Amino acid sequence: MLQDEVRMGLLTLPFRGLLSIFEEVAERAEEEMYDEEAVMAQLTEIYKMLEAGSLSEEEFGVREAELVERLGAIEERKKQRGR
């Protein structure tokens, strides 16, 4: 009985390792998504691109709306976490 449990533990080891990797990737993606400084830097960049003429008004509007939405999500997350 104990041998069967040990074998099952060994068989599931690679899957637990993959799960750990997936959890780490998800955590880093979430951190990046909610990085207020990065979003602000992106906003600054698209404003510069608009002023330089390398970004159309239409594309600017789309990208700005996405970034402002992300800022709203960041603020909401902060409220939920009590910050």
PDB file of N, CA and C in Angstrom:
ATOM      1  N   MET A   1       0.814  -1.186   0.000  1.00  0.00           N
ATOM      2  CA  MET A   1       0.000   0.000   0.000  1.00  0.00           C
ATOM      3  C   MET A   1       0.863   1.257   0.000  1.00  0.00           C
ATOM      4  N   LEU A   2       1.852   1.316   0.867  1.00  0.00           N
ATOM      5  CA  LEU A   2       2.742   2.463   0.953  1.00  0.00           C
ATOM      6  C   LEU A   2       3.535   2.629  -0.333  1.00  0.00           C
ATOM      7  N   GLN A   3       3.951   1.485  -0.919  1.00  0.00           N
ATOM      8  CA  GLN A   3       4.688   1.547  -2.187  1.00  0.00           C
ATOM      9  C   GLN A   3       3.835   2.168  -3.287  1.00  0.00           C
ATOM     10  N   ASP A   4       2.553   1.829  -3.310  1.00  0.00           N
ATOM     11  CA  ASP A   4       1.656   2.390  -4.320  1.00  0.00           C
ATOM     12  C   ASP A   4       1.553   3.911  -4.151  1.00  0.00           C
ATOM     13  N   GLU A   5       1.473   4.361  -2.918  1.00  0.00           N
ATOM     14  CA  GLU A   5       1.396   5.803  -2.656  1.00  0.00           C
ATOM     15  C   GLU A   5       2.683   6.502  -3.072  1.00  0.00           C
ATOM     16  N   VAL A   6       3.811   5.874  -2.802  1.00  0.00           N
ATOM     17  CA  VAL A   6       5.103   6.440  -3.202  1.00  0.00           C
ATOM     18  C   VAL A   6       5.191   6.519  -4.715  1.00  0.00           C
ATOM     19  N   ARG A   7       4.790   5.447  -5.398  1.00  0.00           N
ATOM     20  CA  ARG A   7       4.811   5.439  -6.861  1.00  0.00           C
ATOM     21  C   ARG A   7       3.904   6.516  -7.441  1.00  0.00           C
ATOM     22  N   MET A   8       2.716   6.656  -6.874  1.00  0.00           N
ATOM     23  CA  MET A   8       1.790   7.688  -7.361  1.00  0.00           C
ATOM     24  C   MET A   8       2.390   9.077  -7.129  1.00  0.00           C
ATOM     25  N   GLY A   9       3.039   9.250  -5.994  1.00  0.00           N
ATOM     26  CA  GLY A   9       3.688  10.528  -5.714  1.00  0.00           C
ATOM     27  C   GLY A   9       4.772  10.830  -6.723  1.00  0.00           C
ATOM     28  N   LEU A  10       5.539   9.814  -7.079  1.00  0.00           N
ATOM     29  CA  LEU A  10       6.602   9.993  -8.062  1.00  0.00           C
ATOM     30  C   LEU A  10       6.034  10.254  -9.459  1.00  0.00           C
ATOM     31  N   LEU A  11       4.940   9.592  -9.774  1.00  0.00           N
ATOM     32  CA  LEU A  11       4.319   9.782 -11.085  1.00  0.00           C
ATOM     33  C   LEU A  11       3.721  11.176 -11.234  1.00  0.00           C
ATOM     34  N   THR A  12       3.224  11.736 -10.158  1.00  0.00           N
ATOM     35  CA  THR A  12       2.601  13.057 -10.243  1.00  0.00           C
ATOM     36  C   THR A  12       3.609  14.189 -10.079  1.00  0.00           C
ATOM     37  N   LEU A  13       4.834  13.872  -9.733  1.00  0.00           N
ATOM     38  CA  LEU A  13       5.857  14.896  -9.529  1.00  0.00           C
ATOM     39  C   LEU A  13       6.034  15.812 -10.738  1.00  0.00           C
ATOM     40  N   PRO A  14       6.155  15.282 -11.955  1.00  0.00           N
ATOM     41  CA  PRO A  14       6.309  16.190 -13.101  1.00  0.00           C
ATOM     42  C   PRO A  14       5.110  17.130 -13.274  1.00  0.00           C
ATOM     43  N   PHE A  15       3.916  16.625 -13.014  1.00  0.00           N
ATOM     44  CA  PHE A  15       2.718  17.456 -13.152  1.00  0.00           C
ATOM     45  C   PHE A  15       2.678  18.556 -12.102  1.00  0.00           C
ATOM     46  N   ARG A  16       3.104  18.236 -10.894  1.00  0.00           N
ATOM     47  CA  ARG A  16       3.159  19.254  -9.848  1.00  0.00           C
ATOM     48  C   ARG A  16       4.187  20.316 -10.197  1.00  0.00           C
ATOM     49  N   GLY A  17       5.289  19.882 -10.812  1.00  0.00           N
ATOM     50  CA  GLY A  17       6.313  20.835 -11.251  1.00  0.00           C
ATOM     51  C   GLY A  17       5.775  21.770 -12.322  1.00  0.00           C
ATOM     52  N   LEU A  18       5.045  21.212 -13.285  1.00  0.00           N
ATOM     53  CA  LEU A  18       4.434  22.033 -14.330  1.00  0.00           C
ATOM     54  C   LEU A  18       3.407  22.990 -13.752  1.00  0.00           C
ATOM     55  N   LEU A  19       2.620  22.499 -12.819  1.00  0.00           N
ATOM     56  CA  LEU A  19       1.627  23.348 -12.172  1.00  0.00           C
ATOM     57  C   LEU A  19       2.307  24.522 -11.483  1.00  0.00           C
ATOM     58  N   SER A  20       3.410  24.250 -10.818  1.00  0.00           N
ATOM     59  CA  SER A  20       4.158  25.304 -10.149  1.00  0.00           C
ATOM     60  C   SER A  20       4.654  26.343 -11.153  1.00  0.00           C
ATOM     61  N   ILE A  21       5.131  25.885 -12.293  1.00  0.00           N
ATOM     62  CA  ILE A  21       5.603  26.801 -13.335  1.00  0.00           C
ATOM     63  C   ILE A  21       4.445  27.640 -13.865  1.00  0.00           C
ATOM     64  N   PHE A  22       3.313  27.013 -14.127  1.00  0.00           N
ATOM     65  CA  PHE A  22       2.146  27.738 -14.628  1.00  0.00           C
ATOM     66  C   PHE A  22       1.675  28.778 -13.618  1.00  0.00           C
ATOM     67  N   GLU A  23       1.686  28.439 -12.355  1.00  0.00           N
ATOM     68  CA  GLU A  23       1.286  29.384 -11.315  1.00  0.00           C
ATOM     69  C   GLU A  23       2.229  30.588 -11.287  1.00  0.00           C
ATOM     70  N   GLU A  24       3.518  30.348 -11.436  1.00  0.00           N
ATOM     71  CA  GLU A  24       4.510  31.427 -11.450  1.00  0.00           C
ATOM     72  C   GLU A  24       4.307  32.338 -12.659  1.00  0.00           C
ATOM     73  N   VAL A  25       4.072  31.745 -13.824  1.00  0.00           N
ATOM     74  CA  VAL A  25       3.834  32.534 -15.033  1.00  0.00           C
ATOM     75  C   VAL A  25       2.578  33.384 -14.865  1.00  0.00           C
ATOM     76  N   ALA A  26       1.521  32.802 -14.327  1.00  0.00           N
ATOM     77  CA  ALA A  26       0.274  33.533 -14.117  1.00  0.00           C
ATOM     78  C   ALA A  26       0.479  34.681 -13.132  1.00  0.00           C
ATOM     79  N   GLU A  27       1.236  34.438 -12.086  1.00  0.00           N
ATOM     80  CA  GLU A  27       1.495  35.475 -11.089  1.00  0.00           C
ATOM     81  C   GLU A  27       2.269  36.638 -11.706  1.00  0.00           C
ATOM     82  N   ARG A  28       3.267  36.324 -12.500  1.00  0.00           N
ATOM     83  CA  ARG A  28       4.063  37.391 -13.150  1.00  0.00           C
ATOM     84  C   ARG A  28       3.231  38.161 -14.163  1.00  0.00           C
ATOM     85  N   ALA A  29       2.381  37.467 -14.895  1.00  0.00           N
ATOM     86  CA  ALA A  29       1.511  38.136 -15.864  1.00  0.00           C
ATOM     87  C   ALA A  29       0.550  39.074 -15.144  1.00  0.00           C
ATOM     88  N   GLU A  30       0.033  38.636 -14.008  1.00  0.00           N
ATOM     89  CA  GLU A  30      -0.873  39.470 -13.230  1.00  0.00           C
ATOM     90  C   GLU A  30      -0.149  40.700 -12.686  1.00  0.00           C
ATOM     91  N   GLU A  31       1.075  40.510 -12.203  1.00  0.00           N
ATOM     92  CA  GLU A  31       1.867  41.638 -11.712  1.00  0.00           C
ATOM     93  C   GLU A  31       2.089  42.662 -12.817  1.00  0.00           C
ATOM     94  N   GLU A  32       2.402  42.168 -14.018  1.00  0.00           N
ATOM     95  CA  GLU A  32       2.638  43.066 -15.148  1.00  0.00           C
ATOM     96  C   GLU A  32       1.350  43.791 -15.530  1.00  0.00           C
ATOM     97  N   MET A  33       0.250  43.080 -15.505  1.00  0.00           N
ATOM     98  CA  MET A  33      -1.036  43.674 -15.860  1.00  0.00           C
ATOM     99  C   MET A  33      -1.404  44.808 -14.913  1.00  0.00           C
ATOM    100  N   TYR A  34      -1.059  44.661 -13.641  1.00  0.00           N
ATOM    101  CA  TYR A  34      -1.444  45.635 -12.631  1.00  0.00           C
ATOM    102  C   TYR A  34      -0.286  46.541 -12.200  1.00  0.00           C
ATOM    103  N   ASP A  35       0.714  46.697 -13.061  1.00  0.00           N
ATOM    104  CA  ASP A  35       1.853  47.568 -12.776  1.00  0.00           C
ATOM    105  C   ASP A  35       1.500  48.988 -13.228  1.00  0.00           C
ATOM    106  N   GLU A  36       1.120  49.818 -12.267  1.00  0.00           N
ATOM    107  CA  GLU A  36       0.660  51.174 -12.561  1.00  0.00           C
ATOM    108  C   GLU A  36       1.749  52.009 -13.246  1.00  0.00           C
ATOM    109  N   GLU A  37       2.975  51.873 -12.788  1.00  0.00           N
ATOM    110  CA  GLU A  37       4.070  52.644 -13.378  1.00  0.00           C
ATOM    111  C   GLU A  37       4.276  52.279 -14.843  1.00  0.00           C
ATOM    112  N   ALA A  38       4.175  51.009 -15.162  1.00  0.00           N
ATOM    113  CA  ALA A  38       4.343  50.565 -16.549  1.00  0.00           C
ATOM    114  C   ALA A  38       3.232  51.122 -17.437  1.00  0.00           C
ATOM    115  N   VAL A  39       2.018  51.132 -16.927  1.00  0.00           N
ATOM    116  CA  VAL A  39       0.891  51.664 -17.701  1.00  0.00           C
ATOM    117  C   VAL A  39       1.076  53.165 -17.922  1.00  0.00           C
ATOM    118  N   MET A  40       1.503  53.870 -16.888  1.00  0.00           N
ATOM    119  CA  MET A  40       1.739  55.313 -17.023  1.00  0.00           C
ATOM    120  C   MET A  40       2.855  55.576 -18.038  1.00  0.00           C
ATOM    121  N   ALA A  41       3.881  54.759 -18.028  1.00  0.00           N
ATOM    122  CA  ALA A  41       4.977  54.909 -18.993  1.00  0.00           C
ATOM    123  C   ALA A  41       4.470  54.675 -20.413  1.00  0.00           C
ATOM    124  N   GLN A  42       3.576  53.705 -20.566  1.00  0.00           N
ATOM    125  CA  GLN A  42       3.011  53.439 -21.892  1.00  0.00           C
ATOM    126  C   GLN A  42       2.148  54.610 -22.358  1.00  0.00           C
ATOM    127  N   LEU A  43       1.399  55.198 -21.433  1.00  0.00           N
ATOM    128  CA  LEU A  43       0.604  56.380 -21.781  1.00  0.00           C
ATOM    129  C   LEU A  43       1.505  57.518 -22.241  1.00  0.00           C
ATOM    130  N   THR A  44       2.565  57.758 -21.495  1.00  0.00           N
ATOM    131  CA  THR A  44       3.519  58.804 -21.862  1.00  0.00           C
ATOM    132  C   THR A  44       4.089  58.536 -23.246  1.00  0.00           C
ATOM    133  N   GLU A  45       4.416  57.297 -23.500  1.00  0.00           N
ATOM    134  CA  GLU A  45       4.989  56.926 -24.793  1.00  0.00           C
ATOM    135  C   GLU A  45       4.021  57.177 -25.943  1.00  0.00           C
ATOM    136  N   ILE A  46       2.759  56.808 -25.774  1.00  0.00           N
ATOM    137  CA  ILE A  46       1.829  57.026 -26.890  1.00  0.00           C
ATOM    138  C   ILE A  46       1.546  58.509 -27.093  1.00  0.00           C
ATOM    139  N   TYR A  47       1.570  59.317 -26.025  1.00  0.00           N
ATOM    140  CA  TYR A  47       1.425  60.768 -26.185  1.00  0.00           C
ATOM    141  C   TYR A  47       2.591  61.317 -27.005  1.00  0.00           C
ATOM    142  N   LYS A  48       3.802  60.861 -26.704  1.00  0.00           N
ATOM    143  CA  LYS A  48       4.982  61.292 -27.464  1.00  0.00           C
ATOM    144  C   LYS A  48       4.864  60.874 -28.929  1.00  0.00           C
ATOM    145  N   MET A  49       4.403  59.650 -29.148  1.00  0.00           N
ATOM    146  CA  MET A  49       4.256  59.145 -30.516  1.00  0.00           C
ATOM    147  C   MET A  49       3.215  59.958 -31.286  1.00  0.00           C
ATOM    148  N   LEU A  50       2.130  60.346 -30.607  1.00  0.00           N
ATOM    149  CA  LEU A  50       1.096  61.166 -31.250  1.00  0.00           C
ATOM    150  C   LEU A  50       1.676  62.522 -31.635  1.00  0.00           C
ATOM    151  N   GLU A  51       2.388  63.145 -30.712  1.00  0.00           N
ATOM    152  CA  GLU A  51       2.993  64.451 -30.975  1.00  0.00           C
ATOM    153  C   GLU A  51       4.019  64.388 -32.100  1.00  0.00           C
ATOM    154  N   ALA A  52       4.733  63.276 -32.194  1.00  0.00           N
ATOM    155  CA  ALA A  52       5.755  63.111 -33.227  1.00  0.00           C
ATOM    156  C   ALA A  52       5.142  62.736 -34.575  1.00  0.00           C
ATOM    157  N   GLY A  53       3.868  62.420 -34.584  1.00  0.00           N
ATOM    158  CA  GLY A  53       3.203  62.047 -35.826  1.00  0.00           C
ATOM    159  C   GLY A  53       3.401  60.587 -36.216  1.00  0.00           C
ATOM    160  N   SER A  54       3.951  59.795 -35.328  1.00  0.00           N
ATOM    161  CA  SER A  54       4.164  58.382 -35.654  1.00  0.00           C
ATOM    162  C   SER A  54       3.003  57.499 -35.213  1.00  0.00           C
ATOM    163  N   LEU A  55       1.950  58.137 -34.709  1.00  0.00           N
ATOM    164  CA  LEU A  55       0.753  57.413 -34.271  1.00  0.00           C
ATOM    165  C   LEU A  55      -0.454  58.237 -34.701  1.00  0.00           C
ATOM    166  N   SER A  56      -1.394  57.611 -35.372  1.00  0.00           N
ATOM    167  CA  SER A  56      -2.588  58.332 -35.819  1.00  0.00           C
ATOM    168  C   SER A  56      -3.496  58.644 -34.638  1.00  0.00           C
ATOM    169  N   GLU A  57      -4.348  59.616 -34.819  1.00  0.00           N
ATOM    170  CA  GLU A  57      -5.324  59.981 -33.774  1.00  0.00           C
ATOM    171  C   GLU A  57      -6.200  58.779 -33.421  1.00  0.00           C
ATOM    172  N   GLU A  58      -6.592  58.043 -34.447  1.00  0.00           N
ATOM    173  CA  GLU A  58      -7.458  56.877 -34.236  1.00  0.00           C
ATOM    174  C   GLU A  58      -6.753  55.807 -33.406  1.00  0.00           C
ATOM    175  N   GLU A  59      -5.533  55.469 -33.790  1.00  0.00           N
ATOM    176  CA  GLU A  59      -4.768  54.453 -33.054  1.00  0.00           C
ATOM    177  C   GLU A  59      -4.478  54.940 -31.639  1.00  0.00           C
ATOM    178  N   PHE A  60      -4.169  56.220 -31.517  1.00  0.00           N
ATOM    179  CA  PHE A  60      -3.929  56.791 -30.195  1.00  0.00           C
ATOM    180  C   PHE A  60      -5.158  56.618 -29.314  1.00  0.00           C
ATOM    181  N   GLY A  61      -6.325  56.932 -29.855  1.00  0.00           N
ATOM    182  CA  GLY A  61      -7.563  56.823 -29.086  1.00  0.00           C
ATOM    183  C   GLY A  61      -7.821  55.412 -28.595  1.00  0.00           C
ATOM    184  N   VAL A  62      -7.574  54.451 -29.465  1.00  0.00           N
ATOM    185  CA  VAL A  62      -7.779  53.044 -29.101  1.00  0.00           C
ATOM    186  C   VAL A  62      -6.819  52.639 -27.980  1.00  0.00           C
ATOM    187  N   ARG A  63      -5.544  52.956 -28.176  1.00  0.00           N
ATOM    188  CA  ARG A  63      -4.531  52.557 -27.193  1.00  0.00           C
ATOM    189  C   ARG A  63      -4.715  53.293 -25.868  1.00  0.00           C
ATOM    190  N   GLU A  64      -5.058  54.582 -25.953  1.00  0.00           N
ATOM    191  CA  GLU A  64      -5.276  55.354 -24.734  1.00  0.00           C
ATOM    192  C   GLU A  64      -6.443  54.770 -23.940  1.00  0.00           C
ATOM    193  N   ALA A  65      -7.528  54.432 -24.619  1.00  0.00           N
ATOM    194  CA  ALA A  65      -8.702  53.871 -23.944  1.00  0.00           C
ATOM    195  C   ALA A  65      -8.343  52.564 -23.234  1.00  0.00           C
ATOM    196  N   GLU A  66      -7.546  51.730 -23.889  1.00  0.00           N
ATOM    197  CA  GLU A  66      -7.127  50.466 -23.268  1.00  0.00           C
ATOM    198  C   GLU A  66      -6.308  50.723 -21.999  1.00  0.00           C
ATOM    199  N   LEU A  67      -5.383  51.680 -22.092  1.00  0.00           N
ATOM    200  CA  LEU A  67      -4.517  51.970 -20.943  1.00  0.00           C
ATOM    201  C   LEU A  67      -5.300  52.611 -19.799  1.00  0.00           C
ATOM    202  N   VAL A  68      -6.222  53.498 -20.134  1.00  0.00           N
ATOM    203  CA  VAL A  68      -7.046  54.124 -19.094  1.00  0.00           C
ATOM    204  C   VAL A  68      -7.920  53.069 -18.413  1.00  0.00           C
ATOM    205  N   GLU A  69      -8.414  52.125 -19.195  1.00  0.00           N
ATOM    206  CA  GLU A  69      -9.202  51.021 -18.626  1.00  0.00           C
ATOM    207  C   GLU A  69      -8.343  50.199 -17.660  1.00  0.00           C
ATOM    208  N   ARG A  70      -7.113  49.941 -18.063  1.00  0.00           N
ATOM    209  CA  ARG A  70      -6.205  49.196 -17.171  1.00  0.00           C
ATOM    210  C   ARG A  70      -5.940  49.971 -15.891  1.00  0.00           C
ATOM    211  N   LEU A  71      -5.772  51.289 -15.997  1.00  0.00           N
ATOM    212  CA  LEU A  71      -5.573  52.106 -14.792  1.00  0.00           C
ATOM    213  C   LEU A  71      -6.778  52.008 -13.870  1.00  0.00           C
ATOM    214  N   GLY A  72      -7.973  52.001 -14.464  1.00  0.00           N
ATOM    215  CA  GLY A  72      -9.190  51.834 -13.666  1.00  0.00           C
ATOM    216  C   GLY A  72      -9.210  50.487 -12.951  1.00  0.00           C
ATOM    217  N   ALA A  73      -8.776  49.442 -13.646  1.00  0.00           N
ATOM    218  CA  ALA A  73      -8.723  48.102 -13.045  1.00  0.00           C
ATOM    219  C   ALA A  73      -7.701  48.062 -11.922  1.00  0.00           C
ATOM    220  N   ILE A  74      -6.595  48.775 -12.109  1.00  0.00           N
ATOM    221  CA  ILE A  74      -5.562  48.828 -11.070  1.00  0.00           C
ATOM    222  C   ILE A  74      -6.106  49.521  -9.832  1.00  0.00           C
ATOM    223  N   GLU A  75      -6.799  50.632 -10.023  1.00  0.00           N
ATOM    224  CA  GLU A  75      -7.394  51.353  -8.891  1.00  0.00           C
ATOM    225  C   GLU A  75      -8.418  50.488  -8.168  1.00  0.00           C
ATOM    226  N   GLU A  76      -9.240  49.780  -8.933  1.00  0.00           N
ATOM    227  CA  GLU A  76     -10.242  48.895  -8.332  1.00  0.00           C
ATOM    228  C   GLU A  76      -9.570  47.797  -7.524  1.00  0.00           C
ATOM    229  N   ARG A  77      -8.513  47.242  -8.065  1.00  0.00           N
ATOM    230  CA  ARG A  77      -7.771  46.185  -7.356  1.00  0.00           C
ATOM    231  C   ARG A  77      -7.172  46.718  -6.052  1.00  0.00           C
ATOM    232  N   LYS A  78      -6.654  47.937  -6.100  1.00  0.00           N
ATOM    233  CA  LYS A  78      -6.092  48.555  -4.897  1.00  0.00           C
ATOM    234  C   LYS A  78      -7.170  48.706  -3.818  1.00  0.00           C
ATOM    235  N   LYS A  79      -8.352  49.140  -4.225  1.00  0.00           N
ATOM    236  CA  LYS A  79      -9.468  49.302  -3.290  1.00  0.00           C
ATOM    237  C   LYS A  79      -9.821  47.956  -2.656  1.00  0.00           C
ATOM    238  N   GLN A  80      -9.865  46.912  -3.487  1.00  0.00           N
ATOM    239  CA  GLN A  80     -10.231  45.590  -2.989  1.00  0.00           C
ATOM    240  C   GLN A  80      -9.196  45.067  -2.003  1.00  0.00           C
ATOM    241  N   ARG A  81      -7.960  45.428  -2.225  1.00  0.00           N
ATOM    242  CA  ARG A  81      -6.885  44.964  -1.348  1.00  0.00           C
ATOM    243  C   ARG A  81      -6.625  45.908  -0.174  1.00  0.00           C
ATOM    244  N   GLY A  82      -7.426  46.993  -0.119  1.00  0.00           N
ATOM    245  CA  GLY A  82      -7.327  47.920   1.007  1.00  0.00           C
ATOM    246  C   GLY A  82      -6.103  48.805   0.987  1.00  0.00           C
ATOM    247  N   ARG A  83      -5.632  49.179  -0.180  1.00  0.00           N
ATOM    248  CA  ARG A  83      -4.459  50.052  -0.288  1.00  0.00           C
ATOM    249  C   ARG A  83      -4.846  51.460  -0.559  1.00  0.00           C
TER     250      ARG A  83
END
